[in-house]
PDB file of N, CA and C in Angstrom:
ATOM      1  N   MET A   1       0.741  -0.871   0.058  1.00  0.00           N
ATOM      2  CA  MET A   1       0.354  -0.174   0.304  1.00  0.00           C
ATOM      3  C   MET A   1       0.923   1.699   0.084  1.00  0.00           C
ATOM      4  N   THR A   2       0.497   2.402  -1.283  1.00  0.00           N
ATOM      5  CA  THR A   2       1.609   3.493  -0.657  1.00  0.00           C
ATOM      6  C   THR A   2       0.556   4.713  -0.428  1.00  0.00           C
ATOM      7  N   LYS A   3       0.917   5.344   0.118  1.00  0.00           N
ATOM      8  CA  LYS A   3       0.672   6.723   0.589  1.00  0.00           C
ATOM      9  C   LYS A   3       0.636   7.826  -0.185  1.00  0.00           C
ATOM     10  N   LYS A   4       0.143   8.534  -0.606  1.00  0.00           N
ATOM     11  CA  LYS A   4       0.228  10.003  -1.274  1.00  0.00           C
ATOM     12  C   LYS A   4       0.697  10.933  -0.246  1.00  0.00           C
ATOM     13  N   GLU A   5       1.842  11.386  -0.577  1.00  0.00           N
ATOM     14  CA  GLU A   5       2.459  12.393   0.012  1.00  0.00           C
ATOM     15  C   GLU A   5       2.077  13.806   0.091  1.00  0.00           C
ATOM     16  N   LEU A   6       1.917  14.559   0.863  1.00  0.00           N
ATOM     17  CA  LEU A   6       1.235  15.908   0.275  1.00  0.00           C
ATOM     18  C   LEU A   6       2.509  16.969   0.390  1.00  0.00           C
ATOM     19  N   THR A   7       2.680  17.338  -0.406  1.00  0.00           N
ATOM     20  CA  THR A   7       3.860  18.570  -0.238  1.00  0.00           C
ATOM     21  C   THR A   7       3.775  19.492  -0.101  1.00  0.00           C
ATOM     22  N   VAL A   8       4.215  20.561   0.059  1.00  0.00           N
ATOM     23  CA  VAL A   8       3.734  22.209   0.311  1.00  0.00           C
ATOM     24  C   VAL A   8       2.563  22.757  -0.751  1.00  0.00           C
ATOM     25  N   ILE A   9       3.183  22.449  -2.013  1.00  0.00           N
ATOM     26  CA  ILE A   9       3.031  23.121  -3.318  1.00  0.00           C
ATOM     27  C   ILE A   9       1.754  22.275  -3.474  1.00  0.00           C
ATOM     28  N   ASP A  10       1.454  21.121  -3.325  1.00  0.00           N
ATOM     29  CA  ASP A  10       0.208  20.402  -3.385  1.00  0.00           C
ATOM     30  C   ASP A  10      -0.697  20.816  -2.307  1.00  0.00           C
ATOM     31  N   LEU A  11      -0.376  21.670  -1.461  1.00  0.00           N
ATOM     32  CA  LEU A  11      -1.475  21.967  -0.496  1.00  0.00           C
ATOM     33  C   LEU A  11      -1.619  23.616  -0.941  1.00  0.00           C
ATOM     34  N   LEU A  12      -0.582  23.909  -1.309  1.00  0.00           N
ATOM     35  CA  LEU A  12      -1.221  24.955  -1.983  1.00  0.00           C
ATOM     36  C   LEU A  12      -2.096  25.623  -2.869  1.00  0.00           C
ATOM     37  N   ASP A  13      -1.846  24.340  -4.154  1.00  0.00           N
ATOM     38  CA  ASP A  13      -2.360  24.566  -5.058  1.00  0.00           C
ATOM     39  C   ASP A  13      -3.863  24.229  -4.771  1.00  0.00           C
ATOM     40  N   ARG A  14      -3.983  22.993  -3.803  1.00  0.00           N
ATOM     41  CA  ARG A  14      -5.392  22.923  -3.390  1.00  0.00           C
ATOM     42  C   ARG A  14      -6.101  24.296  -2.428  1.00  0.00           C
ATOM     43  N   ILE A  15      -5.284  25.095  -1.792  1.00  0.00           N
ATOM     44  CA  ILE A  15      -5.823  25.902  -1.018  1.00  0.00           C
ATOM     45  C   ILE A  15      -6.421  26.982  -2.185  1.00  0.00           C
ATOM     46  N   LEU A  16      -5.387  27.300  -3.148  1.00  0.00           N
ATOM     47  CA  LEU A  16      -5.869  28.403  -3.687  1.00  0.00           C
ATOM     48  C   LEU A  16      -7.120  27.791  -5.307  1.00  0.00           C
ATOM     49  N   ASP A  17      -7.328  26.398  -5.231  1.00  0.00           N
ATOM     50  CA  ASP A  17      -8.452  26.205  -6.402  1.00  0.00           C
ATOM     51  C   ASP A  17      -9.334  26.227  -5.479  1.00  0.00           C
ATOM     52  N   LYS A  18      -9.494  25.576  -4.276  1.00  0.00           N
ATOM     53  CA  LYS A  18     -10.693  25.599  -3.636  1.00  0.00           C
ATOM     54  C   LYS A  18     -11.170  26.602  -2.854  1.00  0.00           C
ATOM     55  N   GLY A  19     -10.123  27.366  -2.198  1.00  0.00           N
ATOM     56  CA  GLY A  19     -10.169  28.764  -1.030  1.00  0.00           C
ATOM     57  C   GLY A  19     -10.557  28.024   0.194  1.00  0.00           C
ATOM     58  N   VAL A  20      -9.963  29.275   0.939  1.00  0.00           N
ATOM     59  CA  VAL A  20     -10.031  28.661   2.796  1.00  0.00           C
ATOM     60  C   VAL A  20     -10.943  30.034   2.846  1.00  0.00           C
ATOM     61  N   VAL A  21     -11.662  29.723   4.124  1.00  0.00           N
ATOM     62  CA  VAL A  21     -12.464  31.147   4.824  1.00  0.00           C
ATOM     63  C   VAL A  21     -11.929  31.076   6.067  1.00  0.00           C
ATOM     64  N   ILE A  22     -11.331  32.107   6.873  1.00  0.00           N
ATOM     65  CA  ILE A  22     -11.050  31.909   8.462  1.00  0.00           C
ATOM     66  C   ILE A  22     -12.027  33.089   9.206  1.00  0.00           C
ATOM     67  N   ASN A  23     -12.916  33.043  10.194  1.00  0.00           N
ATOM     68  CA  ASN A  23     -13.621  34.171  10.396  1.00  0.00           C
ATOM     69  C   ASN A  23     -13.564  34.075  11.998  1.00  0.00           C
ATOM     70  N   GLY A  24     -13.110  35.441  12.399  1.00  0.00           N
ATOM     71  CA  GLY A  24     -13.004  35.002  14.243  1.00  0.00           C
ATOM     72  C   GLY A  24     -12.957  36.570  14.710  1.00  0.00           C
ATOM     73  N   ASP A  25     -13.522  36.609  16.018  1.00  0.00           N
ATOM     74  CA  ASP A  25     -13.537  37.897  16.734  1.00  0.00           C
ATOM     75  C   ASP A  25     -12.516  37.949  17.761  1.00  0.00           C
ATOM     76  N   ILE A  26     -12.280  39.143  17.529  1.00  0.00           N
ATOM     77  CA  ILE A  26     -10.786  39.439  18.871  1.00  0.00           C
ATOM     78  C   ILE A  26     -11.539  40.589  19.836  1.00  0.00           C
ATOM     79  N   THR A  27     -11.739  40.097  21.165  1.00  0.00           N
ATOM     80  CA  THR A  27     -11.923  41.359  22.091  1.00  0.00           C
ATOM     81  C   THR A  27     -11.053  41.621  23.097  1.00  0.00           C
ATOM     82  N   ILE A  28     -10.405  42.789  23.131  1.00  0.00           N
ATOM     83  CA  ILE A  28      -8.941  43.170  24.040  1.00  0.00           C
ATOM     84  C   ILE A  28     -10.380  43.998  25.197  1.00  0.00           C
ATOM     85  N   SER A  29      -9.976  43.433  26.455  1.00  0.00           N
ATOM     86  CA  SER A  29     -10.821  44.075  27.837  1.00  0.00           C
ATOM     87  C   SER A  29      -9.843  43.802  29.122  1.00  0.00           C
ATOM     88  N   ILE A  30     -10.025  45.088  29.634  1.00  0.00           N
ATOM     89  CA  ILE A  30      -9.681  45.187  31.237  1.00  0.00           C
ATOM     90  C   ILE A  30     -10.878  45.358  32.024  1.00  0.00           C
ATOM     91  N   VAL A  31     -10.438  44.495  33.149  1.00  0.00           N
ATOM     92  CA  VAL A  31     -11.519  44.796  34.068  1.00  0.00           C
ATOM     93  C   VAL A  31     -12.982  44.816  33.644  1.00  0.00           C
ATOM     94  N   GLY A  32     -13.070  43.767  32.797  1.00  0.00           N
ATOM     95  CA  GLY A  32     -14.159  43.644  32.247  1.00  0.00           C
ATOM     96  C   GLY A  32     -14.748  44.797  31.179  1.00  0.00           C
ATOM     97  N   VAL A  33     -14.330  45.895  31.061  1.00  0.00           N
ATOM     98  CA  VAL A  33     -14.196  47.236  29.911  1.00  0.00           C
ATOM     99  C   VAL A  33     -13.583  46.609  28.754  1.00  0.00           C
ATOM    100  N   ASP A  34     -14.508  46.052  27.577  1.00  0.00           N
ATOM    101  CA  ASP A  34     -13.962  46.372  26.310  1.00  0.00           C
ATOM    102  C   ASP A  34     -13.469  47.163  25.757  1.00  0.00           C
ATOM    103  N   LEU A  35     -12.375  47.295  25.199  1.00  0.00           N
ATOM    104  CA  LEU A  35     -11.663  48.392  24.940  1.00  0.00           C
ATOM    105  C   LEU A  35     -11.078  48.254  23.401  1.00  0.00           C
ATOM    106  N   LEU A  36     -11.200  46.939  22.348  1.00  0.00           N
ATOM    107  CA  LEU A  36     -11.005  47.102  21.386  1.00  0.00           C
ATOM    108  C   LEU A  36     -11.859  45.631  20.923  1.00  0.00           C
ATOM    109  N   SER A  37     -12.375  45.807  19.690  1.00  0.00           N
ATOM    110  CA  SER A  37     -13.166  44.469  19.334  1.00  0.00           C
ATOM    111  C   SER A  37     -12.788  44.345  17.912  1.00  0.00           C
ATOM    112  N   LEU A  38     -12.392  43.558  17.113  1.00  0.00           N
ATOM    113  CA  LEU A  38     -11.822  43.123  15.854  1.00  0.00           C
ATOM    114  C   LEU A  38     -12.758  42.167  15.364  1.00  0.00           C
ATOM    115  N   LYS A  39     -12.967  42.165  14.042  1.00  0.00           N
ATOM    116  CA  LYS A  39     -14.030  41.172  13.354  1.00  0.00           C
ATOM    117  C   LYS A  39     -12.824  40.734  12.456  1.00  0.00           C
ATOM    118  N   ILE A  40     -12.955  39.539  12.256  1.00  0.00           N
ATOM    119  CA  ILE A  40     -11.867  39.101  10.905  1.00  0.00           C
ATOM    120  C   ILE A  40     -12.356  38.280   9.859  1.00  0.00           C
ATOM    121  N   ASN A  41     -12.191  38.647   8.767  1.00  0.00           N
ATOM    122  CA  ASN A  41     -13.146  37.592   8.063  1.00  0.00           C
ATOM    123  C   ASN A  41     -11.648  37.543   6.822  1.00  0.00           C
ATOM    124  N   LEU A  42     -10.873  36.346   6.868  1.00  0.00           N
ATOM    125  CA  LEU A  42     -10.010  36.255   5.843  1.00  0.00           C
ATOM    126  C   LEU A  42      -9.857  35.110   4.589  1.00  0.00           C
ATOM    127  N   VAL A  43     -10.117  35.541   3.687  1.00  0.00           N
ATOM    128  CA  VAL A  43     -10.277  34.261   2.669  1.00  0.00           C
ATOM    129  C   VAL A  43      -8.787  34.708   1.578  1.00  0.00           C
ATOM    130  N   ILE A  44      -8.799  33.399   1.398  1.00  0.00           N
ATOM    131  CA  ILE A  44      -7.343  32.624   0.502  1.00  0.00           C
ATOM    132  C   ILE A  44      -7.668  31.955  -0.470  1.00  0.00           C
ATOM    133  N   ALA A  45      -7.467  32.397  -1.681  1.00  0.00           N
ATOM    134  CA  ALA A  45      -8.108  32.058  -2.732  1.00  0.00           C
ATOM    135  C   ALA A  45      -7.170  32.395  -4.254  1.00  0.00           C
ATOM    136  N   SER A  46      -7.362  31.546  -5.071  1.00  0.00           N
ATOM    137  CA  SER A  46      -7.088  32.205  -6.667  1.00  0.00           C
ATOM    138  C   SER A  46      -7.583  33.377  -6.514  1.00  0.00           C
ATOM    139  N   LEU A  47      -7.608  34.041  -7.405  1.00  0.00           N
ATOM    140  CA  LEU A  47      -8.392  35.337  -7.987  1.00  0.00           C
ATOM    141  C   LEU A  47      -9.840  34.462  -8.951  1.00  0.00           C
ATOM    142  N   GLU A  48      -9.292  33.831  -9.825  1.00  0.00           N
ATOM    143  CA  GLU A  48     -10.077  32.677 -10.727  1.00  0.00           C
ATOM    144  C   GLU A  48     -11.399  32.097  -9.317  1.00  0.00           C
ATOM    145  N   THR A  49     -10.790  31.658  -8.533  1.00  0.00           N
ATOM    146  CA  THR A  49     -11.610  30.992  -7.548  1.00  0.00           C
ATOM    147  C   THR A  49     -12.804  31.777  -7.072  1.00  0.00           C
ATOM    148  N   ALA A  50     -11.756  32.995  -6.403  1.00  0.00           N
ATOM    149  CA  ALA A  50     -13.049  33.928  -5.976  1.00  0.00           C
ATOM    150  C   ALA A  50     -14.066  34.488  -6.406  1.00  0.00           C
ATOM    151  N   LYS A  51     -13.880  34.897  -7.899  1.00  0.00           N
ATOM    152  CA  LYS A  51     -14.781  35.097  -8.965  1.00  0.00           C
ATOM    153  C   LYS A  51     -15.988  34.204  -9.177  1.00  0.00           C
ATOM    154  N   ARG A  52     -15.269  32.888  -8.971  1.00  0.00           N
ATOM    155  CA  ARG A  52     -15.968  31.895  -9.236  1.00  0.00           C
ATOM    156  C   ARG A  52     -17.258  31.656  -8.464  1.00  0.00           C
ATOM    157  N   TYR A  53     -16.922  31.966  -6.903  1.00  0.00           N
ATOM    158  CA  TYR A  53     -17.989  32.239  -5.695  1.00  0.00           C
ATOM    159  C   TYR A  53     -18.270  33.410  -5.556  1.00  0.00           C
ATOM    160  N   GLY A  54     -18.309  34.269  -6.496  1.00  0.00           N
ATOM    161  CA  GLY A  54     -18.645  35.640  -6.624  1.00  0.00           C
ATOM    162  C   GLY A  54     -18.340  36.783  -5.644  1.00  0.00           C
ATOM    163  N   LEU A  55     -17.453  36.280  -5.243  1.00  0.00           N
ATOM    164  CA  LEU A  55     -16.552  37.224  -3.902  1.00  0.00           C
ATOM    165  C   LEU A  55     -16.242  38.736  -4.949  1.00  0.00           C
ATOM    166  N   LYS A  56     -16.367  39.938  -3.939  1.00  0.00           N
ATOM    167  CA  LYS A  56     -16.129  41.213  -4.950  1.00  0.00           C
ATOM    168  C   LYS A  56     -14.848  41.714  -4.165  1.00  0.00           C
ATOM    169  N   LEU A  57     -14.175  41.664  -5.111  1.00  0.00           N
ATOM    170  CA  LEU A  57     -12.526  41.827  -5.224  1.00  0.00           C
ATOM    171  C   LEU A  57     -12.487  43.193  -4.970  1.00  0.00           C
ATOM    172  N   PRO A  58     -11.739  44.105  -3.997  1.00  0.00           N
ATOM    173  CA  PRO A  58     -11.759  45.414  -3.398  1.00  0.00           C
ATOM    174  C   PRO A  58     -10.980  46.483  -4.740  1.00  0.00           C
ATOM    175  N   TRP A  59     -10.213  46.054  -5.681  1.00  0.00           N
ATOM    176  CA  TRP A  59      -9.628  47.059  -6.470  1.00  0.00           C
ATOM    177  C   TRP A  59     -11.150  47.235  -8.011  1.00  0.00           C
ATOM    178  N   GLU A  60     -11.703  46.300  -7.842  1.00  0.00           N
ATOM    179  CA  GLU A  60     -13.188  46.594  -8.868  1.00  0.00           C
ATOM    180  C   GLU A  60     -13.760  47.304  -8.255  1.00  0.00           C
ATOM    181  N   GLN A  61     -14.075  47.256  -6.911  1.00  0.00           N
ATOM    182  CA  GLN A  61     -15.022  48.772  -6.486  1.00  0.00           C
ATOM    183  C   GLN A  61     -14.420  49.871  -6.666  1.00  0.00           C
ATOM    184  N   TRP A  62     -13.160  49.824  -6.249  1.00  0.00           N
ATOM    185  CA  TRP A  62     -12.106  51.192  -6.372  1.00  0.00           C
ATOM    186  C   TRP A  62     -12.105  51.853  -7.782  1.00  0.00           C
ATOM    187  N   GLU A  63     -12.395  50.675  -8.683  1.00  0.00           N
ATOM    188  CA  GLU A  63     -12.156  51.157 -10.265  1.00  0.00           C
ATOM    189  C   GLU A  63     -13.264  52.092 -10.219  1.00  0.00           C
ATOM    190  N   LYS A  64     -14.665  51.687  -9.875  1.00  0.00           N
ATOM    191  CA  LYS A  64     -16.008  51.876  -9.766  1.00  0.00           C
ATOM    192  C   LYS A  64     -16.238  53.359  -9.281  1.00  0.00           C
ATOM    193  N   ASP A  65     -15.376  53.346  -8.206  1.00  0.00           N
ATOM    194  CA  ASP A  65     -15.517  54.691  -7.274  1.00  0.00           C
ATOM    195  C   ASP A  65     -14.844  55.832  -7.849  1.00  0.00           C
ATOM    196  N   ARG A  66     -13.060  55.222  -8.390  1.00  0.00           N
ATOM    197  CA  ARG A  66     -12.918  56.076  -9.503  1.00  0.00           C
ATOM    198  C   ARG A  66     -13.542  56.904 -10.621  1.00  0.00           C
ATOM    199  N   LYS A  67     -14.067  56.108 -10.942  1.00  0.00           N
ATOM    200  CA  LYS A  67     -14.814  56.222 -12.497  1.00  0.00           C
ATOM    201  C   LYS A  67     -16.006  57.559 -12.264  1.00  0.00           C
ATOM    202  N   GLN A  68     -16.817  57.142 -10.974  1.00  0.00           N
ATOM    203  CA  GLN A  68     -17.891  57.817 -10.608  1.00  0.00           C
ATOM    204  C   GLN A  68     -17.259  59.062  -9.974  1.00  0.00           C
ATOM    205  N   LEU A  69     -16.255  59.229  -9.734  1.00  0.00           N
ATOM    206  CA  LEU A  69     -15.597  60.078  -9.074  1.00  0.00           C
ATOM    207  C   LEU A  69     -15.278  61.199 -10.122  1.00  0.00           C
ATOM    208  N   GLU A  70     -14.720  60.605 -11.176  1.00  0.00           N
ATOM    209  CA  GLU A  70     -14.330  61.403 -12.430  1.00  0.00           C
ATOM    210  C   GLU A  70     -15.863  62.216 -12.944  1.00  0.00           C
ATOM    211  N   VAL A  71     -16.798  61.577 -12.869  1.00  0.00           N
ATOM    212  CA  VAL A  71     -18.042  61.591 -13.645  1.00  0.00           C
ATOM    213  C   VAL A  71     -18.130  62.887 -13.068  1.00  0.00           C
ATOM    214  N   ARG A  72     -18.470  62.953 -11.504  1.00  0.00           N
ATOM    215  CA  ARG A  72     -19.152  63.913 -10.632  1.00  0.00           C
ATOM    216  C   ARG A  72     -18.135  65.031 -10.769  1.00  0.00           C
ATOM    217  N   GLN A  73     -16.452  65.233 -11.364  1.00  0.00           N
ATOM    218  CA  GLN A  73     -15.894  66.173 -11.136  1.00  0.00           C
ATOM    219  C   GLN A  73     -16.132  66.619 -12.820  1.00  0.00           C
ATOM    220  N   MET A  74     -16.571  65.943 -13.348  1.00  0.00           N
ATOM    221  CA  MET A  74     -16.651  66.600 -14.890  1.00  0.00           C
ATOM    222  C   MET A  74     -18.105  67.342 -14.843  1.00  0.00           C
ATOM    223  N   LYS A  75     -19.011  67.059 -14.220  1.00  0.00           N
ATOM    224  CA  LYS A  75     -19.963  67.729 -13.829  1.00  0.00           C
ATOM    225  C   LYS A  75     -20.167  69.053 -13.077  1.00  0.00           C
ATOM    226  N   LYS A  76     -19.127  69.268 -12.478  1.00  0.00           N
ATOM    227  CA  LYS A  76     -18.776  69.841 -11.980  1.00  0.00           C
ATOM    228  C   LYS A  76     -18.336  71.500 -12.717  1.00  0.00           C
ATOM    229  N   LYS A  77     -17.395  71.070 -14.158  1.00  0.00           N
ATOM    230  CA  LYS A  77     -17.015  71.966 -14.515  1.00  0.00           C
ATOM    231  C   LYS A  77     -17.736  72.706 -15.635  1.00  0.00           C
TER     232      LYS A  77
END
């Protein structure tokens, strides 16, 4: 019986192909008083995988925002 060895490259290829989502909440408090609360949503995937699952990529929104700003500036002139 042979065991399939999993290399780092194989693991990375699978993660990028399928994607990984990590969610978490971090709260820093002193004496019962919350000082800082963070919500973490981390997605690790290839661009192709992200698009396949319908994830919005930040730079797509940045491009839309830039174009809207240009239109507003042109209207002001």
